[in-house]
Amino acid sequence: MVIRHLMITLFAFWHTTFMVVRADDASAVTFQSEIAPLFKQHCFACHGPAKPGGGLNLEFPPGIRRGGENGEAIVPGSLERSRA
């Protein structure tokens, strides 16, 4: 449960903060380098490209924003409204 909250928080933080960071900023957090590996390790077994449980595919940001059969799973900037 703690890991899920951490991943949701990281994604929400990345989405709301680092979307505006310049591309030449080497210290910027990116989905591919920071968030995707966490999802792959902890979430893809049930919500990956091969098995999107409940229609939720965590492989790419558009699928995450779209959510699954029960609506949004991660609401950028809102841990309270995000599902874990």
Protein backbone atom coordinates (compact mmCIF):
# COMPACT_ATOMS: atom_id res chain seq x y z
CA MET A 1 0.00 0.00 0.00
CA VAL A 2 2.83 2.41 0.85
CA ILE A 3 4.55 1.69 -2.47
CA ARG A 4 1.32 2.42 -4.37
CA HIS A 5 0.95 5.75 -2.60
CA LEU A 6 4.60 6.55 -3.32
CA MET A 7 4.18 5.75 -7.02
CA ILE A 8 0.99 7.80 -7.28
CA THR A 9 2.69 10.70 -5.53
CA LEU A 10 5.73 10.47 -7.81
CA PHE A 11 3.60 10.40 -10.94
CA ALA A 12 1.42 13.29 -9.77
CA PHE A 13 4.53 15.28 -8.84
CA TRP A 14 6.18 14.51 -12.18
CA HIS A 15 3.06 15.34 -14.14
CA THR A 16 2.37 18.67 -12.45
CA THR A 17 5.95 19.87 -11.95
CA PHE A 18 8.28 18.51 -14.57
CA MET A 19 6.05 18.85 -17.62
CA VAL A 20 7.29 22.45 -17.82
CA VAL A 21 11.00 21.74 -17.29
CA ARG A 22 13.20 22.56 -20.25
CA ALA A 23 14.41 19.58 -22.28
CA ASP A 24 18.08 20.50 -21.72
CA ASP A 25 17.77 20.20 -17.93
CA ALA A 26 19.67 16.96 -17.24
CA SER A 27 18.38 16.72 -13.67
CA ALA A 28 14.70 16.63 -14.72
CA VAL A 29 12.63 13.65 -13.73
CA THR A 30 11.11 11.89 -16.72
CA PHE A 31 8.38 9.30 -16.90
CA GLN A 32 10.62 6.84 -18.75
CA SER A 33 13.58 7.11 -16.38
CA GLU A 34 11.92 7.50 -12.99
CA ILE A 35 8.23 6.53 -13.01
CA ALA A 36 7.94 3.73 -15.59
CA PRO A 37 10.53 1.49 -13.85
CA LEU A 38 8.53 1.66 -10.61
CA PHE A 39 5.30 0.80 -12.42
CA LYS A 40 7.05 -2.02 -14.28
CA GLN A 41 8.42 -3.50 -11.07
CA HIS A 42 5.31 -3.14 -8.94
CA CYS A 43 2.24 -2.75 -11.19
CA PHE A 44 2.68 -4.30 -14.65
CA ALA A 45 1.79 -7.81 -13.49
CA CYS A 46 -1.82 -6.62 -13.26
CA HIS A 47 -1.84 -3.29 -15.15
CA GLY A 48 0.74 -3.64 -17.91
CA PRO A 49 0.44 -3.68 -21.69
CA ALA A 50 -0.08 -7.45 -21.86
CA LYS A 51 -2.67 -7.57 -19.06
CA PRO A 52 -4.42 -4.24 -18.44
CA GLY A 53 -6.54 -5.34 -15.48
CA GLY A 54 -9.73 -3.34 -15.23
CA GLY A 55 -8.75 -1.60 -18.45
CA LEU A 56 -5.92 0.28 -16.68
CA ASN A 57 -2.65 0.27 -18.63
CA LEU A 58 0.23 1.96 -16.78
CA GLU A 59 2.71 1.68 -19.66
CA PHE A 60 2.42 5.27 -20.95
CA PRO A 61 1.11 8.56 -19.49
CA PRO A 62 -1.94 8.71 -21.82
CA GLY A 63 -3.18 5.35 -20.54
CA ILE A 64 -2.58 6.44 -16.97
CA ARG A 65 -4.48 9.70 -17.47
CA ARG A 66 -7.33 7.86 -19.23
CA GLY A 67 -7.70 5.44 -16.32
CA GLY A 68 -9.57 2.17 -16.43
CA GLU A 69 -13.08 0.84 -16.20
CA ASN A 70 -13.58 2.59 -12.85
CA GLY A 71 -12.36 6.00 -14.05
CA GLU A 72 -9.17 7.84 -13.23
CA ALA A 73 -6.63 5.93 -11.18
CA ILE A 74 -4.16 8.77 -10.78
CA VAL A 75 -5.25 12.39 -10.53
CA PRO A 76 -2.20 14.63 -11.07
CA GLY A 77 -1.54 16.78 -8.06
CA SER A 78 -4.12 15.00 -5.86
CA LEU A 79 -3.11 11.99 -3.82
CA GLU A 80 -6.49 12.17 -2.09
CA ARG A 81 -8.46 11.73 -5.33
CA SER A 82 -6.06 9.11 -6.73
CA ARG A 83 -6.75 5.43 -6.19
CA ALA A 84 -4.18 3.13 -4.65
